[in-house]
């Protein structure tokens, strides 16, 4: 693999980070616009969470293909084609007026993002010297931190002052610029010898992911036997996919990185934590609008406080990790993240800003630290030969966790509705309180794996000691 000049490597990193930001932004930007979109399409706002989940679901289903496609056609061609596809489907999402067509375009948009993000991440990982990889990985965590909390105020502003269609039109000029930069900056690399495409793994993984998350969507809308049957079918397909991936000679997605203790903790317990934390940008705007009566822009502005917490923590993340180590930081910070989620259940329309803003700011700090820990520790012990396998598996699992976080939020609201009916509690706010408590419990469950980490896990990655 050739080495890029420092200047070009920085520009490629900026391009990849920008592409990841655009892709992550589109996964969350419609959260505050859901009530307006629901009125346009004639459906309930909570039901429109499928517009977010369908996008993230397509990401999870098609990311496993990215490695094979990149090896087959080369990263430059795949990355540029993915940006072009993402731009065109964004334009389509802004033009359609049918809900079915909109959901279909969101799936295609997610499929384009599924190629754009992991290929870009792999480019940065391959070209960055090991001594600079911690910094590079921290930079690649930024889109997951910033986009979900910038998206609601931006989406709320557009929905309130323009029209929700413009949320997608914004991607068009950015996509054209990104396409030009990709063709200019990314070198042409001769692909390695062709590997046979793992059709069995692709079908089992794709159907299993669709079945699993589709069942959760179904159960979020209506709890019945068909939803549980689909859930069981999805789980069976996922188990069959794992069995196949372990035994196949050239699997679509290698499970070998799961033998690395730090990577395994991030994939298992870390996914539960990521899922819980990812539910807040979906839950909070809905509670502020449908429960407290704020408009989309006002609800989005409050999430900027979470972004401020992200910024406040980012500058001290590495010094804190060097002082206390990954294991101790992830445990205590994970408890803080869960506590701040539970605190959101106590919010009221009359709560003074002097109390509300610190809760959101603290959650932003905890969110930033935990995501940075998960995003960097995953690759701390991965060797060069396993980097591509680890990158593919990391992208699949994290995207599924984010999609499940949105679905978790919708399902938890339904659970809250049922509890309100059983306890004879009136008012629109209680279901959201219950949802935040459920998210907090899941965040705590995710910390169980962290306890098993060695005390010195990841120390060499942050030059600790």
Protein backbone atom coordinates (compact mmCIF):
# COMPACT_ATOMS: atom_id res chain seq x y z
CA UNK A 1 0.00 0.00 0.00
CA UNK A 2 1.47 3.37 -1.03
CA UNK A 3 1.85 6.18 1.51
CA UNK A 4 0.06 9.48 1.06
CA UNK A 5 1.81 12.78 1.59
CA UNK A 6 0.91 14.40 4.94
CA UNK A 7 -1.09 17.19 3.31
CA UNK A 8 -3.08 14.82 1.11
CA UNK A 9 -3.66 12.45 4.04
CA UNK A 10 -5.09 15.32 6.09
CA UNK A 11 -7.35 16.33 3.20
CA UNK A 12 -8.53 12.74 2.74
CA UNK A 13 -9.24 12.54 6.48
CA UNK A 14 -11.25 15.78 6.31
CA UNK A 15 -13.16 14.46 3.30
CA UNK A 16 -13.95 11.15 5.01
CA UNK A 17 -14.96 12.91 8.22
CA UNK A 18 -17.21 15.23 6.21
CA UNK A 19 -18.81 12.30 4.39
CA UNK A 20 -19.38 10.49 7.68
CA UNK A 21 -20.88 13.68 9.14
CA UNK A 22 -23.28 14.04 6.21
CA UNK A 23 -24.31 10.40 6.43
CA UNK A 24 -24.80 10.48 10.22
CA UNK A 25 -26.62 13.82 10.00
CA UNK A 26 -29.19 12.34 7.63
CA UNK A 27 -29.80 9.51 10.07
CA UNK A 28 -30.97 11.99 12.72
CA UNK A 29 -31.89 15.31 11.13
CA UNK A 30 -35.56 14.49 10.62
CA UNK A 31 -36.13 13.79 14.34
CA UNK A 32 -37.51 17.26 15.09
CA UNK A 33 -39.28 17.39 11.72
CA UNK A 34 -41.30 14.21 12.36
CA UNK A 35 -44.47 16.04 13.48
CA UNK A 36 -44.42 18.20 10.32
CA UNK A 37 -43.63 15.20 8.14
CA UNK A 38 -46.38 13.21 9.83
CA UNK A 39 -48.88 15.92 8.91
CA UNK A 40 -47.63 15.90 5.30
CA UNK A 41 -47.92 12.13 4.99
CA UNK A 42 -51.03 11.81 7.17
CA UNK A 43 -49.51 9.49 9.81
CA UNK A 44 -48.60 9.67 13.49
CA UNK A 45 -45.20 11.28 14.23
CA UNK A 46 -43.98 8.34 16.34
CA UNK A 47 -44.82 5.93 13.52
CA UNK A 48 -42.53 7.92 11.25
CA UNK A 49 -39.53 6.68 13.22
CA UNK A 50 -39.44 4.07 10.45
CA UNK A 51 -38.04 6.84 8.21
CA UNK A 52 -35.01 6.97 10.52
CA UNK A 53 -34.82 3.25 11.19
CA UNK A 54 -35.17 2.27 7.51
CA UNK A 55 -32.14 4.41 6.72
CA UNK A 56 -30.05 2.98 9.57
CA UNK A 57 -31.33 -0.52 8.82
CA UNK A 58 -30.14 -0.31 5.23
CA UNK A 59 -26.77 0.86 6.53
CA UNK A 60 -26.46 -2.21 8.74
CA UNK A 61 -27.63 -4.60 6.05
CA UNK A 62 -25.32 -3.36 3.28
CA UNK A 63 -22.17 -2.43 5.23
CA UNK A 64 -20.96 -6.08 5.17
CA UNK A 65 -20.85 -5.86 1.37
CA UNK A 66 -18.55 -2.82 1.45
CA UNK A 67 -15.36 -4.82 2.00
CA UNK A 68 -15.92 -7.13 -0.97
CA UNK A 69 -17.06 -4.29 -3.24
CA UNK A 70 -14.01 -2.22 -2.30
CA UNK A 71 -11.65 -5.11 -3.05
CA UNK A 72 -13.46 -5.75 -6.33
CA UNK A 73 -13.59 -2.19 -7.72
CA UNK A 74 -11.10 -0.18 -5.65
CA UNK A 75 -11.73 2.37 -2.88
CA UNK A 76 -11.61 5.45 -5.14
CA UNK A 77 -14.33 4.23 -7.47
CA UNK A 78 -16.54 2.84 -4.68
CA UNK A 79 -16.25 5.94 -2.47
CA UNK A 80 -17.05 8.28 -5.37
CA UNK A 81 -20.00 6.14 -6.52
CA UNK A 82 -21.36 6.01 -2.97
CA UNK A 83 -21.26 9.82 -2.66
CA UNK A 84 -23.02 10.14 -6.03
CA UNK A 85 -25.72 7.66 -4.99
CA UNK A 86 -26.20 9.38 -1.65
CA UNK A 87 -26.61 12.75 -3.36
CA UNK A 88 -29.14 11.50 -5.91
CA UNK A 89 -31.28 9.70 -3.33
CA UNK A 90 -31.21 12.80 -1.11
CA UNK A 91 -32.60 14.80 -4.02
CA UNK A 92 -35.29 12.16 -4.50
CA UNK A 93 -36.27 12.24 -0.79
CA UNK A 94 -36.85 15.98 -1.08
CA UNK A 95 -39.01 15.66 -4.18
CA UNK A 96 -41.37 12.76 -3.38
CA UNK A 97 -44.79 13.20 -1.80
CA UNK A 98 -45.64 9.53 -1.19
CA UNK A 99 -44.64 7.92 2.13
CA UNK A 100 -43.92 4.57 0.49
CA UNK A 101 -41.63 6.20 -2.08
CA UNK A 102 -39.95 8.21 0.66
CA UNK A 103 -39.20 5.08 2.72
CA UNK A 104 -37.87 3.29 -0.38
CA UNK A 105 -35.53 6.21 -1.14
CA UNK A 106 -34.37 6.27 2.49
CA UNK A 107 -33.39 2.61 2.12
CA UNK A 108 -31.42 3.40 -1.05
CA UNK A 109 -29.86 6.40 0.68
CA UNK A 110 -28.80 4.15 3.56
CA UNK A 111 -27.36 1.62 1.12
CA UNK A 112 -25.22 4.37 -0.43
CA UNK A 113 -24.08 5.45 3.01
CA UNK A 114 -23.23 1.83 3.79
CA UNK A 115 -20.55 1.98 1.10
CA UNK A 116 -19.47 5.55 1.74
CA UNK A 117 -18.64 5.39 5.45
CA UNK A 118 -16.74 2.10 5.96
CA UNK A 119 -14.71 2.60 2.78
CA UNK A 120 -13.74 6.08 3.95
CA UNK A 121 -12.85 4.82 7.43
CA UNK A 122 -10.76 2.02 5.96
CA UNK A 123 -8.88 4.51 3.77
CA UNK A 124 -7.90 6.56 6.82
CA UNK A 125 -6.93 3.48 8.85
CA UNK A 126 -4.76 2.06 6.08
CA UNK A 127 -2.94 5.28 5.25
CA UNK A 128 -2.43 6.60 8.81
CA UNK A 129 0.84 5.56 10.52
CA UNK A 130 0.29 3.58 13.76
CA UNK A 131 1.75 6.41 15.85
CA UNK A 132 -0.98 8.78 14.61
CA UNK A 133 -3.89 6.32 14.67
CA UNK A 134 -5.29 7.39 18.06
CA UNK A 135 -5.67 10.96 16.80
CA UNK A 136 -7.17 9.78 13.52
CA UNK A 137 -9.68 7.52 15.27
CA UNK A 138 -10.67 10.35 17.63
CA UNK A 139 -11.34 12.54 14.59
CA UNK A 140 -13.53 9.85 13.04
CA UNK A 141 -15.62 9.70 16.22
CA UNK A 142 -16.66 13.34 15.76
CA UNK A 143 -19.47 12.73 13.26
CA UNK A 144 -21.17 10.25 15.62
CA UNK A 145 -20.91 12.81 18.43
CA UNK A 146 -21.77 16.04 16.68
CA UNK A 147 -24.24 15.10 13.94
CA UNK A 148 -26.97 13.58 16.16
CA UNK A 149 -27.15 16.71 18.34
CA UNK A 150 -26.64 19.29 15.57
CA UNK A 151 -29.25 17.53 13.43
CA UNK A 152 -32.37 18.27 15.57
CA UNK A 153 -31.92 22.07 15.77
CA UNK A 154 -30.98 22.22 12.10
CA UNK A 155 -33.92 20.02 11.12
CA UNK A 156 -36.21 22.00 13.43
CA UNK A 157 -35.09 25.31 11.93
CA UNK A 158 -35.66 24.06 8.39
CA UNK A 159 -39.05 22.53 9.27
CA UNK A 160 -40.19 25.69 11.08
CA UNK A 161 -38.94 28.34 8.63
CA UNK A 162 -38.71 26.58 5.27
CA UNK A 163 -40.11 23.08 4.66
CA UNK A 164 -38.88 19.65 5.66
CA UNK A 165 -38.05 18.84 2.01
CA UNK A 166 -35.10 21.25 2.25
CA UNK A 167 -33.51 18.96 4.83
CA UNK A 168 -32.58 16.69 1.92
CA UNK A 169 -31.88 19.37 -0.66
CA UNK A 170 -28.94 20.54 1.51
CA UNK A 171 -27.08 17.34 0.66
CA UNK A 172 -27.02 18.06 -3.07
CA UNK A 173 -24.35 20.82 -3.21
CA UNK A 174 -22.35 19.10 -0.45
CA UNK A 175 -22.49 15.82 -2.34
CA UNK A 176 -21.32 17.41 -5.59
CA UNK A 177 -18.38 19.01 -3.76
CA UNK A 178 -17.52 15.73 -2.03
CA UNK A 179 -17.62 13.81 -5.31
CA UNK A 180 -15.17 16.23 -6.92
CA UNK A 181 -12.79 16.04 -3.95
CA UNK A 182 -12.95 12.23 -3.87
CA UNK A 183 -11.98 11.95 -7.53
CA UNK A 184 -9.14 14.44 -6.97
CA UNK A 185 -7.68 13.26 -3.65
CA UNK A 186 -8.11 9.48 -3.46
CA UNK A 187 -5.47 7.60 -5.45
CA UNK A 188 -6.27 4.76 -7.79
CA UNK A 189 -5.32 1.43 -6.19
CA UNK A 190 -5.11 -1.82 -8.08
CA UNK A 191 -7.59 -4.24 -6.49
CA UNK A 192 -6.24 -7.50 -5.04
CA UNK A 193 -7.11 -10.88 -6.58
CA UNK A 194 -10.86 -11.42 -6.67
CA UNK A 195 -12.53 -13.32 -3.88
CA UNK A 196 -15.83 -15.12 -4.51
CA UNK A 197 -18.83 -13.22 -3.23
CA UNK A 198 -20.36 -14.85 -0.15
CA UNK A 199 -23.99 -14.96 -1.28
CA UNK A 200 -25.02 -17.21 1.59
CA UNK A 201 -23.58 -14.85 4.18
CA UNK A 202 -25.08 -11.80 2.46
CA UNK A 203 -28.57 -13.30 2.29
CA UNK A 204 -28.52 -14.65 5.86
CA UNK A 205 -27.13 -11.41 7.31
CA UNK A 206 -29.40 -9.17 5.28
CA UNK A 207 -32.58 -11.11 5.98
CA UNK A 208 -31.65 -11.57 9.63
CA UNK A 209 -31.01 -7.87 10.17
CA UNK A 210 -34.20 -6.87 8.36
CA UNK A 211 -36.17 -9.46 10.28
CA UNK A 212 -34.77 -8.50 13.67
CA UNK A 213 -35.12 -4.74 13.39
CA UNK A 214 -38.28 -5.02 11.33
CA UNK A 215 -39.85 -7.05 14.14
CA UNK A 216 -38.89 -4.38 16.67
CA UNK A 217 -40.50 -1.77 14.42
CA UNK A 218 -43.61 -3.94 14.18
CA UNK A 219 -43.78 -4.43 17.93
CA UNK A 220 -43.26 -0.70 18.48
CA UNK A 221 -46.40 -0.05 16.45
CA UNK A 222 -48.49 -3.01 17.60
CA UNK A 223 -47.71 -5.86 20.00
CA UNK A 224 -49.08 -9.08 18.51
CA UNK A 225 -48.15 -12.65 17.65
CA UNK A 226 -47.00 -11.77 14.12
CA UNK A 227 -44.42 -9.34 15.50
CA UNK A 228 -43.01 -11.93 17.90
CA UNK A 229 -42.93 -14.52 15.09
CA UNK A 230 -40.93 -12.14 12.91
CA UNK A 231 -38.60 -11.47 15.85
CA UNK A 232 -37.98 -15.20 16.33
CA UNK A 233 -37.37 -15.62 12.60
CA UNK A 234 -34.88 -12.75 12.56
CA UNK A 235 -32.98 -14.16 15.54
CA UNK A 236 -32.85 -17.60 13.92
CA UNK A 237 -31.44 -16.12 10.71
CA UNK A 238 -28.82 -14.13 12.64
CA UNK A 239 -27.71 -17.30 14.46
CA UNK A 240 -27.53 -19.14 11.13
CA UNK A 241 -25.48 -16.26 9.68
CA UNK A 242 -23.02 -16.37 12.60
CA UNK A 243 -22.64 -20.14 12.17
CA UNK A 244 -21.97 -19.70 8.45
CA UNK A 245 -19.48 -16.83 8.95
CA UNK A 246 -17.48 -18.93 11.43
CA UNK A 247 -17.21 -21.87 9.01
CA UNK A 248 -16.95 -20.26 5.55
CA UNK A 249 -13.57 -20.23 3.82
CA UNK A 250 -14.09 -16.67 2.48
CA UNK A 251 -16.86 -15.15 4.60
CA UNK A 252 -18.42 -11.84 3.69
CA UNK A 253 -17.72 -10.67 7.24
CA UNK A 254 -14.92 -12.21 9.27
CA UNK A 255 -15.59 -12.81 12.98
CA UNK A 256 -11.89 -13.26 13.77
CA UNK A 257 -11.55 -9.83 15.45
CA UNK A 258 -14.03 -11.00 18.10
CA UNK A 259 -11.18 -13.02 19.61
CA UNK A 260 -9.57 -9.74 20.71
CA UNK A 261 -10.79 -8.91 24.22
CA UNK A 262 -10.98 -5.12 23.79
CA UNK A 263 -12.74 -5.39 20.43
CA UNK A 264 -15.21 -7.95 21.82
CA UNK A 265 -16.18 -5.73 24.78
CA UNK A 266 -16.85 -2.79 22.45
CA UNK A 267 -18.97 -4.95 20.16
CA UNK A 268 -21.08 -6.59 22.90
CA UNK A 269 -21.55 -4.42 25.98
CA UNK A 270 -20.53 -1.30 24.08
CA UNK A 271 -23.37 -1.85 21.61
CA UNK A 272 -25.95 -1.85 24.40
CA UNK A 273 -24.50 1.42 25.72
CA UNK A 274 -24.43 2.93 22.24
CA UNK A 275 -28.02 1.85 21.64
CA UNK A 276 -29.23 3.50 24.87
CA UNK A 277 -27.34 6.75 24.30
CA UNK A 278 -28.45 6.91 20.65
CA UNK A 279 -32.09 6.98 21.71
CA UNK A 280 -31.85 10.46 23.28
CA UNK A 281 -31.73 12.53 20.04
CA UNK A 282 -34.95 10.73 19.04
CA UNK A 283 -36.76 10.79 22.39
CA UNK A 284 -35.97 14.28 23.66
CA UNK A 285 -37.23 16.33 20.66
CA UNK A 286 -40.50 14.35 20.64
CA UNK A 287 -41.01 14.85 24.38
CA UNK A 288 -40.29 18.56 24.13
CA UNK A 289 -42.70 18.99 21.21
CA UNK A 290 -45.52 16.52 21.83
CA UNK A 291 -45.25 16.54 25.62
CA UNK A 292 -44.21 20.10 26.47
CA UNK A 293 -45.65 21.95 23.48
CA UNK A 294 -42.43 23.48 22.11
CA UNK A 295 -42.02 23.98 18.38
CA UNK A 296 -39.44 22.09 16.34
CA UNK A 297 -36.83 24.83 16.41
CA UNK A 298 -37.11 25.42 20.17
CA UNK A 299 -36.77 21.68 20.83
CA UNK A 300 -33.76 21.49 18.56
CA UNK A 301 -32.04 24.44 20.23
CA UNK A 302 -32.11 22.68 23.60
CA UNK A 303 -30.15 19.81 22.09
CA UNK A 304 -27.36 22.25 21.29
CA UNK A 305 -26.59 22.12 25.01
CA UNK A 306 -25.76 18.43 24.51
CA UNK A 307 -23.42 19.49 21.71
CA UNK A 308 -21.78 22.00 24.06
CA UNK A 309 -21.15 19.15 26.47
CA UNK A 310 -19.54 17.19 23.63
CA UNK A 311 -17.20 20.08 22.93
CA UNK A 312 -16.41 20.61 26.60
CA UNK A 313 -15.35 17.01 27.08
CA UNK A 314 -13.47 16.55 23.82
CA UNK A 315 -10.51 18.70 24.83
CA UNK A 316 -9.82 16.66 27.98
CA UNK A 317 -10.69 13.16 26.76
CA UNK A 318 -7.13 11.98 26.05
CA UNK A 319 -5.61 13.41 29.27
CA UNK A 320 -8.37 11.73 31.31
CA UNK A 321 -7.77 8.40 29.57
CA UNK A 322 -4.03 8.67 30.19
CA UNK A 323 -4.63 9.46 33.86
CA UNK A 324 -7.22 6.79 34.70
CA UNK A 325 -7.23 4.24 31.84
CA UNK A 326 -10.04 2.97 29.61
CA UNK A 327 -11.62 0.54 32.07
CA UNK A 328 -12.07 2.98 34.94
CA UNK A 329 -13.20 5.83 32.69
CA UNK A 330 -15.73 3.70 30.81
CA UNK A 331 -17.23 2.37 34.04
CA UNK A 332 -17.68 5.68 35.86
CA UNK A 333 -18.55 7.65 32.76
CA UNK A 334 -21.04 4.94 31.75
CA UNK A 335 -22.76 5.34 35.11
CA UNK A 336 -22.91 9.09 34.53
CA UNK A 337 -24.42 8.57 31.06
CA UNK A 338 -27.10 6.27 32.49
CA UNK A 339 -27.85 8.70 35.35
CA UNK A 340 -28.24 11.64 32.96
CA UNK A 341 -30.64 9.59 30.81
CA UNK A 342 -32.69 8.81 33.90
CA UNK A 343 -32.61 12.51 34.84
CA UNK A 344 -34.30 13.35 31.54
CA UNK A 345 -37.31 11.40 32.83
CA UNK A 346 -37.69 14.06 35.53
CA UNK A 347 -37.95 16.99 33.12
CA UNK A 348 -41.12 19.09 33.28
CA UNK A 349 -42.41 22.01 31.18
CA UNK A 350 -41.86 24.36 34.12
CA UNK A 351 -38.39 23.14 35.08
CA UNK A 352 -36.02 26.14 35.37
CA UNK A 353 -33.31 26.37 32.72
CA UNK A 354 -30.76 26.46 35.55
CA UNK A 355 -31.65 22.81 36.21
CA UNK A 356 -32.48 21.65 32.66
CA UNK A 357 -29.36 22.91 30.93
CA UNK A 358 -26.84 21.24 33.30
CA UNK A 359 -28.61 17.89 32.85
CA UNK A 360 -28.29 18.12 29.07
CA UNK A 361 -24.72 19.45 29.27
CA UNK A 362 -23.60 16.62 31.56
CA UNK A 363 -25.19 14.06 29.27
CA UNK A 364 -23.33 15.61 26.34
CA UNK A 365 -20.03 15.26 28.21
CA UNK A 366 -20.74 11.64 29.14
CA UNK A 367 -21.89 10.87 25.60
CA UNK A 368 -18.69 12.31 24.13
CA UNK A 369 -16.40 10.39 26.46
CA UNK A 370 -18.19 7.06 26.05
CA UNK A 371 -18.38 7.24 22.26
CA UNK A 372 -14.71 8.21 22.03
CA UNK A 373 -13.74 5.32 24.30
CA UNK A 374 -15.78 2.84 22.25
CA UNK A 375 -14.58 4.20 18.91
CA UNK A 376 -10.89 4.09 19.79
CA UNK A 377 -10.59 1.08 22.11
CA UNK A 378 -12.11 -1.13 19.41
CA UNK A 379 -8.95 -0.80 17.29
CA UNK A 380 -6.38 -0.56 20.08
CA UNK A 381 -5.22 -4.19 19.76
CA UNK A 382 -6.14 -4.89 16.12
CA UNK A 383 -3.17 -5.81 13.92
CA UNK A 384 -2.65 -4.44 10.41
CA UNK A 385 -3.66 -7.75 8.84
CA UNK A 386 -7.01 -7.73 10.70
CA UNK A 387 -7.78 -4.03 10.25
CA UNK A 388 -10.12 -4.49 7.26
CA UNK A 389 -12.04 -7.31 9.00
CA UNK A 390 -12.33 -5.31 12.22
CA UNK A 391 -13.43 -2.19 10.35
CA UNK A 392 -16.22 -4.05 8.54
CA UNK A 393 -17.50 -5.76 11.68
CA UNK A 394 -17.27 -2.52 13.71
CA UNK A 395 -19.32 -0.60 11.16
CA UNK A 396 -22.02 -3.26 10.95
CA UNK A 397 -22.48 -3.63 14.69
CA UNK A 398 -22.35 0.09 15.52
CA UNK A 399 -24.84 0.98 12.79
CA UNK A 400 -27.19 -1.72 13.99
CA UNK A 401 -26.87 -0.39 17.53
CA UNK A 402 -27.77 3.11 16.33
CA UNK A 403 -30.76 1.79 14.39
CA UNK A 404 -31.84 -0.26 17.40
CA UNK A 405 -31.51 2.86 19.55
CA UNK A 406 -34.13 4.67 17.47
CA UNK A 407 -36.38 1.61 17.49
CA UNK A 408 -35.79 1.23 21.22
CA UNK A 409 -37.04 4.78 21.72
CA UNK A 410 -40.24 4.15 19.76
CA UNK A 411 -40.84 0.80 21.47
CA UNK A 412 -40.20 2.31 24.91
CA UNK A 413 -42.77 5.05 24.21
CA UNK A 414 -45.33 2.34 23.43
CA UNK A 415 -44.44 0.58 26.67
CA UNK A 416 -44.92 3.89 28.47
CA UNK A 417 -48.32 4.29 26.82
CA UNK A 418 -49.34 0.85 28.06
CA UNK A 419 -48.10 1.62 31.59
CA UNK A 420 -49.97 4.93 31.61
CA UNK A 421 -53.18 3.12 30.70
CA UNK A 422 -52.65 0.42 33.31
CA UNK A 423 -51.85 2.95 36.04
CA UNK A 424 -54.56 5.38 34.90
CA UNK A 425 -52.02 8.19 34.33
CA UNK A 426 -53.19 10.96 32.04
CA UNK A 427 -51.19 13.47 30.04
CA UNK A 428 -48.78 13.15 27.11
CA UNK A 429 -45.49 13.22 29.05
CA UNK A 430 -45.49 9.95 31.05
CA UNK A 431 -44.67 7.63 28.09
CA UNK A 432 -41.49 9.61 27.43
CA UNK A 433 -40.49 9.46 31.10
CA UNK A 434 -40.84 5.68 30.98
CA UNK A 435 -38.82 5.56 27.74
CA UNK A 436 -35.90 7.45 29.29
CA UNK A 437 -35.88 5.11 32.31
CA UNK A 438 -35.80 2.08 30.01
CA UNK A 439 -32.87 3.60 28.09
CA UNK A 440 -31.02 4.24 31.37
CA UNK A 441 -31.42 0.59 32.42
CA UNK A 442 -30.07 -0.64 29.07
CA UNK A 443 -27.08 1.70 29.45
CA UNK A 444 -26.32 0.10 32.81
CA UNK A 445 -26.60 -3.41 31.33
CA UNK A 446 -23.99 -2.41 28.75
CA UNK A 447 -21.44 -1.81 31.50
CA UNK A 448 -21.39 -5.45 32.61
CA UNK A 449 -18.90 -6.35 29.85
CA UNK A 450 -16.70 -3.38 30.75
CA UNK A 451 -16.09 -4.82 34.22
CA UNK A 452 -14.34 -7.76 32.54
CA UNK A 453 -11.78 -5.58 30.80
CA UNK A 454 -8.19 -5.89 32.04
CA UNK A 455 -7.13 -2.89 34.11
CA UNK A 456 -4.46 -1.97 31.57
CA UNK A 457 -6.72 -2.39 28.51
CA UNK A 458 -5.78 0.10 25.79
CA UNK A 459 -3.03 1.77 27.85
CA UNK A 460 -0.51 1.55 25.00
CA UNK A 461 -2.97 3.17 22.60
CA UNK A 462 -3.09 6.39 24.63
CA UNK A 463 0.56 6.16 25.72
CA UNK A 464 -0.48 5.71 29.35
CA UNK A 465 2.30 5.21 31.85
